[in-house]
N, C-alpha and C. Protein backbone atom coordinates (compact mmCIF):
# COMPACT_ATOMS: atom_id res chain seq x y z
N MET A 1 -7.94 4.70 12.64
CA MET A 1 -7.69 5.84 11.79
C MET A 1 -7.60 5.38 10.35
N THR A 2 -8.26 6.05 9.46
CA THR A 2 -8.26 5.70 8.04
C THR A 2 -7.09 6.38 7.34
N ALA A 3 -6.42 5.66 6.49
CA ALA A 3 -5.30 6.21 5.74
C ALA A 3 -5.81 7.12 4.64
N ALA A 4 -5.07 8.16 4.36
CA ALA A 4 -5.39 9.02 3.22
C ALA A 4 -4.90 8.31 1.98
N LEU A 5 -5.74 8.28 0.95
CA LEU A 5 -5.36 7.63 -0.31
C LEU A 5 -5.30 8.68 -1.40
N LEU A 6 -4.18 8.73 -2.07
CA LEU A 6 -4.02 9.58 -3.25
C LEU A 6 -3.74 8.65 -4.41
N ALA A 7 -4.33 8.94 -5.54
CA ALA A 7 -4.05 8.12 -6.71
C ALA A 7 -4.01 9.00 -7.94
N CYS A 8 -3.26 8.54 -8.93
CA CYS A 8 -3.17 9.22 -10.22
C CYS A 8 -2.63 10.63 -10.09
N GLY A 9 -1.94 10.90 -9.04
CA GLY A 9 -1.35 12.21 -8.84
C GLY A 9 0.05 12.05 -8.30
N SER A 10 0.64 13.14 -7.96
CA SER A 10 1.99 13.10 -7.44
C SER A 10 1.96 13.12 -5.92
N ALA A 11 2.68 12.21 -5.30
CA ALA A 11 2.79 12.21 -3.85
C ALA A 11 3.52 13.45 -3.39
N ARG A 12 4.36 14.01 -4.26
CA ARG A 12 5.09 15.22 -3.90
C ARG A 12 4.18 16.43 -3.82
N ALA A 13 3.08 16.41 -4.61
CA ALA A 13 2.17 17.55 -4.63
C ALA A 13 1.32 17.60 -3.37
N ALA A 14 1.13 16.48 -2.72
CA ALA A 14 0.34 16.42 -1.51
C ALA A 14 1.26 16.51 -0.30
N THR A 15 0.67 16.80 0.81
CA THR A 15 1.43 16.80 2.05
C THR A 15 1.53 15.36 2.53
N VAL A 16 2.72 14.81 2.43
CA VAL A 16 2.96 13.43 2.85
C VAL A 16 3.38 13.47 4.31
N PRO A 17 2.63 12.79 5.18
CA PRO A 17 3.00 12.82 6.59
C PRO A 17 4.30 12.05 6.83
N ARG A 18 4.95 12.42 7.89
CA ARG A 18 6.14 11.68 8.31
C ARG A 18 5.68 10.51 9.17
N PRO A 19 6.44 9.44 9.22
CA PRO A 19 6.08 8.33 10.08
C PRO A 19 5.95 8.79 11.54
N VAL A 20 5.01 8.22 12.25
CA VAL A 20 4.80 8.53 13.66
C VAL A 20 5.59 7.52 14.48
N VAL A 21 6.40 8.02 15.40
CA VAL A 21 7.20 7.14 16.25
C VAL A 21 6.25 6.39 17.19
N ALA A 22 6.42 5.07 17.23
CA ALA A 22 5.58 4.22 18.07
C ALA A 22 6.45 3.20 18.78
N HIS A 23 6.06 2.84 19.97
CA HIS A 23 6.77 1.81 20.74
C HIS A 23 6.40 0.43 20.19
N PRO A 24 7.25 -0.57 20.40
CA PRO A 24 6.96 -1.89 19.86
C PRO A 24 5.59 -2.45 20.26
N GLY A 25 5.11 -2.16 21.44
CA GLY A 25 3.82 -2.68 21.90
C GLY A 25 2.61 -1.88 21.44
N ASP A 26 2.83 -0.73 20.83
CA ASP A 26 1.71 0.09 20.35
C ASP A 26 1.07 -0.56 19.13
N PRO A 27 -0.23 -0.30 18.90
CA PRO A 27 -0.85 -0.85 17.70
C PRO A 27 -0.28 -0.19 16.44
N PRO A 28 -0.15 -0.96 15.37
CA PRO A 28 0.36 -0.37 14.12
C PRO A 28 -0.72 0.51 13.49
N ARG A 29 -0.28 1.49 12.71
CA ARG A 29 -1.21 2.35 11.99
C ARG A 29 -0.68 2.62 10.59
N ILE A 30 -1.59 2.66 9.62
CA ILE A 30 -1.27 3.08 8.26
C ILE A 30 -1.74 4.53 8.16
N LEU A 31 -0.81 5.44 7.91
CA LEU A 31 -1.12 6.87 7.96
C LEU A 31 -1.42 7.47 6.59
N PHE A 32 -0.82 6.91 5.54
CA PHE A 32 -0.90 7.52 4.21
C PHE A 32 -0.59 6.46 3.17
N ALA A 33 -1.32 6.48 2.06
CA ALA A 33 -1.03 5.57 0.94
C ALA A 33 -1.23 6.33 -0.36
N HIS A 34 -0.27 6.20 -1.25
CA HIS A 34 -0.36 6.81 -2.58
C HIS A 34 -0.09 5.73 -3.62
N PHE A 35 -1.03 5.53 -4.54
CA PHE A 35 -0.83 4.63 -5.67
C PHE A 35 -0.76 5.46 -6.93
N SER A 36 0.08 5.08 -7.87
CA SER A 36 0.20 5.83 -9.12
C SER A 36 -1.08 5.79 -9.94
N ALA A 37 -1.91 4.77 -9.70
CA ALA A 37 -3.18 4.65 -10.42
C ALA A 37 -4.11 3.75 -9.63
N THR A 38 -5.41 3.97 -9.79
CA THR A 38 -6.40 3.04 -9.24
C THR A 38 -6.98 2.17 -10.35
N ALA A 39 -6.78 2.58 -11.60
CA ALA A 39 -7.13 1.76 -12.77
C ALA A 39 -5.80 1.31 -13.37
N ILE A 40 -5.46 0.06 -13.16
CA ILE A 40 -4.14 -0.46 -13.50
C ILE A 40 -4.22 -1.12 -14.88
N ARG A 41 -3.38 -0.65 -15.80
CA ARG A 41 -3.40 -1.12 -17.19
C ARG A 41 -2.26 -2.11 -17.46
N MET A 42 -2.57 -3.11 -18.28
CA MET A 42 -1.53 -4.05 -18.69
C MET A 42 -0.44 -3.30 -19.44
N GLY A 43 0.79 -3.68 -19.20
CA GLY A 43 1.93 -3.06 -19.86
C GLY A 43 2.42 -1.81 -19.17
N SER A 44 1.71 -1.35 -18.14
CA SER A 44 2.11 -0.12 -17.46
C SER A 44 2.93 -0.43 -16.20
N TRP A 45 3.55 0.59 -15.68
CA TRP A 45 4.23 0.49 -14.40
C TRP A 45 3.26 0.98 -13.34
N TRP A 46 3.18 0.26 -12.22
CA TRP A 46 2.31 0.63 -11.11
C TRP A 46 3.18 0.74 -9.88
N SER A 47 3.03 1.83 -9.15
CA SER A 47 3.87 2.06 -7.99
C SER A 47 3.05 2.61 -6.84
N GLY A 48 3.67 2.60 -5.68
CA GLY A 48 2.99 3.13 -4.51
C GLY A 48 3.96 3.46 -3.40
N ARG A 49 3.48 4.30 -2.51
CA ARG A 49 4.25 4.71 -1.33
C ARG A 49 3.29 4.72 -0.16
N VAL A 50 3.74 4.16 0.97
CA VAL A 50 2.90 4.07 2.16
C VAL A 50 3.69 4.54 3.37
N VAL A 51 3.04 5.31 4.23
CA VAL A 51 3.65 5.79 5.47
C VAL A 51 2.87 5.17 6.64
N THR A 52 3.60 4.64 7.60
CA THR A 52 3.01 3.97 8.76
C THR A 52 3.67 4.47 10.04
N THR A 53 3.26 3.89 11.15
CA THR A 53 4.00 4.12 12.39
C THR A 53 5.33 3.38 12.30
N THR A 54 6.30 3.79 13.09
CA THR A 54 7.65 3.22 12.98
C THR A 54 7.75 1.79 13.49
N ASN A 55 6.75 1.31 14.20
CA ASN A 55 6.80 -0.06 14.71
C ASN A 55 6.29 -1.11 13.72
N VAL A 56 5.94 -0.69 12.51
CA VAL A 56 5.49 -1.65 11.50
C VAL A 56 6.71 -2.36 10.92
N ALA A 57 6.73 -3.68 11.08
CA ALA A 57 7.86 -4.48 10.61
C ALA A 57 7.68 -4.95 9.17
N SER A 58 6.40 -5.17 8.76
CA SER A 58 6.15 -5.60 7.39
C SER A 58 4.82 -5.03 6.92
N LEU A 59 4.75 -4.81 5.61
CA LEU A 59 3.54 -4.28 4.98
C LEU A 59 3.25 -5.10 3.74
N GLU A 60 2.07 -5.70 3.68
CA GLU A 60 1.69 -6.57 2.59
C GLU A 60 0.52 -5.95 1.83
N PHE A 61 0.55 -6.04 0.50
CA PHE A 61 -0.59 -5.68 -0.33
C PHE A 61 -1.29 -6.97 -0.71
N ARG A 62 -2.60 -7.05 -0.45
CA ARG A 62 -3.37 -8.25 -0.78
C ARG A 62 -4.49 -7.91 -1.74
N ALA A 63 -4.69 -8.78 -2.70
CA ALA A 63 -5.81 -8.70 -3.63
C ALA A 63 -6.36 -10.11 -3.76
N PRO A 64 -7.54 -10.27 -4.36
CA PRO A 64 -8.11 -11.62 -4.48
C PRO A 64 -7.22 -12.61 -5.23
N SER A 65 -6.44 -12.16 -6.20
CA SER A 65 -5.67 -13.10 -7.02
C SER A 65 -4.16 -13.01 -6.84
N PHE A 66 -3.67 -12.10 -6.01
CA PHE A 66 -2.23 -11.96 -5.81
C PHE A 66 -1.94 -11.20 -4.52
N SER A 67 -0.71 -11.25 -4.07
CA SER A 67 -0.26 -10.45 -2.94
C SER A 67 1.24 -10.26 -3.06
N PHE A 68 1.74 -9.21 -2.41
CA PHE A 68 3.18 -8.99 -2.37
C PHE A 68 3.52 -8.15 -1.15
N VAL A 69 4.79 -8.22 -0.74
CA VAL A 69 5.29 -7.47 0.40
C VAL A 69 5.98 -6.23 -0.13
N LEU A 70 5.67 -5.08 0.46
CA LEU A 70 6.30 -3.82 0.05
C LEU A 70 7.70 -3.71 0.64
N HIS A 71 8.56 -3.01 -0.07
CA HIS A 71 9.94 -2.78 0.37
C HIS A 71 9.96 -1.68 1.43
N ARG A 72 10.61 -1.93 2.57
CA ARG A 72 10.74 -0.90 3.60
C ARG A 72 11.95 -0.04 3.26
N THR A 73 11.72 1.25 3.01
CA THR A 73 12.81 2.16 2.65
C THR A 73 13.39 2.85 3.88
N ALA A 74 12.62 2.95 4.94
CA ALA A 74 13.03 3.52 6.23
C ALA A 74 11.98 3.10 7.25
N TYR A 75 12.23 3.31 8.53
CA TYR A 75 11.22 2.98 9.53
C TYR A 75 9.95 3.77 9.25
N GLY A 76 8.84 3.05 9.02
CA GLY A 76 7.56 3.68 8.76
C GLY A 76 7.35 4.13 7.33
N GLU A 77 8.25 3.77 6.41
CA GLU A 77 8.11 4.15 5.01
C GLU A 77 8.30 2.91 4.13
N PHE A 78 7.33 2.68 3.25
CA PHE A 78 7.32 1.51 2.38
C PHE A 78 7.00 1.94 0.96
N SER A 79 7.47 1.15 -0.02
CA SER A 79 7.16 1.47 -1.41
C SER A 79 7.17 0.21 -2.27
N PHE A 80 6.61 0.34 -3.47
CA PHE A 80 6.68 -0.72 -4.47
C PHE A 80 6.66 -0.08 -5.84
N ASP A 81 7.18 -0.81 -6.81
CA ASP A 81 7.21 -0.39 -8.21
C ASP A 81 7.22 -1.67 -9.04
N THR A 82 6.15 -1.91 -9.79
CA THR A 82 6.06 -3.16 -10.52
C THR A 82 5.55 -2.94 -11.93
N HIS A 83 6.04 -3.73 -12.83
CA HIS A 83 5.62 -3.68 -14.23
C HIS A 83 4.49 -4.71 -14.40
N VAL A 84 3.32 -4.23 -14.75
CA VAL A 84 2.15 -5.10 -14.92
C VAL A 84 2.19 -5.64 -16.35
N LEU A 85 2.63 -6.87 -16.50
CA LEU A 85 2.82 -7.42 -17.84
C LEU A 85 1.55 -8.03 -18.42
N VAL A 86 1.05 -9.07 -17.79
CA VAL A 86 -0.11 -9.78 -18.32
C VAL A 86 -1.13 -9.96 -17.20
N VAL A 87 -2.37 -9.64 -17.50
CA VAL A 87 -3.47 -9.87 -16.57
C VAL A 87 -4.51 -10.70 -17.31
N PRO A 88 -4.75 -11.94 -16.89
CA PRO A 88 -5.76 -12.76 -17.56
C PRO A 88 -7.12 -12.05 -17.56
N SER A 89 -7.89 -12.28 -18.59
CA SER A 89 -9.17 -11.57 -18.74
C SER A 89 -10.11 -11.77 -17.55
N ILE A 90 -10.04 -12.90 -16.89
CA ILE A 90 -10.90 -13.15 -15.74
C ILE A 90 -10.63 -12.15 -14.60
N TYR A 91 -9.41 -11.58 -14.54
CA TYR A 91 -9.05 -10.65 -13.48
C TYR A 91 -9.18 -9.19 -13.89
N ARG A 92 -9.56 -8.91 -15.11
CA ARG A 92 -9.71 -7.52 -15.57
C ARG A 92 -11.06 -6.99 -15.12
N ARG A 93 -11.06 -6.48 -13.91
CA ARG A 93 -12.29 -6.00 -13.26
C ARG A 93 -11.92 -5.19 -12.03
N ALA A 94 -12.94 -4.62 -11.42
CA ALA A 94 -12.73 -3.91 -10.15
C ALA A 94 -12.51 -4.93 -9.04
N PHE A 95 -11.71 -4.55 -8.06
CA PHE A 95 -11.48 -5.41 -6.92
C PHE A 95 -11.12 -4.55 -5.71
N VAL A 96 -11.17 -5.16 -4.56
CA VAL A 96 -10.77 -4.48 -3.33
C VAL A 96 -9.40 -5.00 -2.94
N GLY A 97 -8.44 -4.09 -2.83
CA GLY A 97 -7.10 -4.43 -2.37
C GLY A 97 -6.97 -4.02 -0.91
N ALA A 98 -6.08 -4.65 -0.20
CA ALA A 98 -5.88 -4.33 1.20
C ALA A 98 -4.40 -4.20 1.51
N LEU A 99 -4.07 -3.22 2.32
CA LEU A 99 -2.74 -3.10 2.89
C LEU A 99 -2.83 -3.65 4.30
N VAL A 100 -1.93 -4.58 4.64
CA VAL A 100 -1.92 -5.18 5.97
C VAL A 100 -0.56 -4.87 6.59
N ALA A 101 -0.58 -4.08 7.66
CA ALA A 101 0.64 -3.70 8.37
C ALA A 101 0.76 -4.56 9.62
N ARG A 102 1.96 -5.11 9.86
CA ARG A 102 2.19 -5.96 11.03
C ARG A 102 3.41 -5.49 11.82
N THR A 103 3.30 -5.60 13.13
CA THR A 103 4.44 -5.35 13.99
C THR A 103 5.22 -6.66 14.15
N ALA A 104 6.40 -6.58 14.76
CA ALA A 104 7.20 -7.78 14.98
C ALA A 104 6.49 -8.76 15.91
N SER A 105 5.62 -8.27 16.79
CA SER A 105 4.91 -9.16 17.71
C SER A 105 3.65 -9.75 17.10
N GLY A 106 3.30 -9.35 15.86
CA GLY A 106 2.16 -9.93 15.18
C GLY A 106 0.89 -9.11 15.18
N ALA A 107 0.86 -7.99 15.89
CA ALA A 107 -0.31 -7.12 15.84
C ALA A 107 -0.45 -6.58 14.43
N SER A 108 -1.69 -6.44 13.95
CA SER A 108 -1.87 -5.99 12.57
C SER A 108 -3.03 -5.02 12.45
N VAL A 109 -3.01 -4.28 11.34
CA VAL A 109 -4.10 -3.39 10.96
C VAL A 109 -4.25 -3.52 9.46
N ARG A 110 -5.49 -3.32 8.99
CA ARG A 110 -5.79 -3.50 7.56
C ARG A 110 -6.56 -2.29 7.06
N GLU A 111 -6.15 -1.78 5.89
CA GLU A 111 -6.87 -0.71 5.20
C GLU A 111 -7.20 -1.23 3.81
N THR A 112 -8.42 -0.98 3.34
CA THR A 112 -8.82 -1.46 2.03
C THR A 112 -8.98 -0.30 1.04
N PHE A 113 -8.80 -0.63 -0.25
CA PHE A 113 -8.86 0.35 -1.33
C PHE A 113 -9.52 -0.29 -2.53
N HIS A 114 -10.28 0.51 -3.27
CA HIS A 114 -10.93 0.03 -4.50
C HIS A 114 -10.00 0.29 -5.68
N LEU A 115 -9.69 -0.76 -6.42
CA LEU A 115 -8.79 -0.70 -7.56
C LEU A 115 -9.42 -1.48 -8.71
N ALA A 116 -8.82 -1.40 -9.88
CA ALA A 116 -9.33 -2.16 -11.03
C ALA A 116 -8.20 -2.45 -12.00
N PHE A 117 -8.23 -3.66 -12.58
CA PHE A 117 -7.39 -3.98 -13.73
C PHE A 117 -8.22 -3.70 -14.96
N VAL A 118 -7.69 -2.89 -15.87
CA VAL A 118 -8.42 -2.55 -17.09
C VAL A 118 -7.61 -2.91 -18.32
């Protein structure tokens, strides 16, 4: 299942799904992802909210030059908020980012998104 991606808008304006209850052995799923922007500017704040199945133990954002783990706010709900200070000129371009959701047993699922540092 492909996650719905909203960007540059309000997550409140869209219908945000609730996490789907899943057993520990079920495959993880990413149900919804909202990023504050897909064109990320230096000096700006960049944030996101992701909804998954409840059996997701960790959610990582990966890009070619960096990665970070999102904060779990509740079972099946993750978020991040970061201040983009400096981006070297070599990285100011379009790239593919990926969200990787993992269960405690190690099962994973990956969703990719097109983003850019400008």
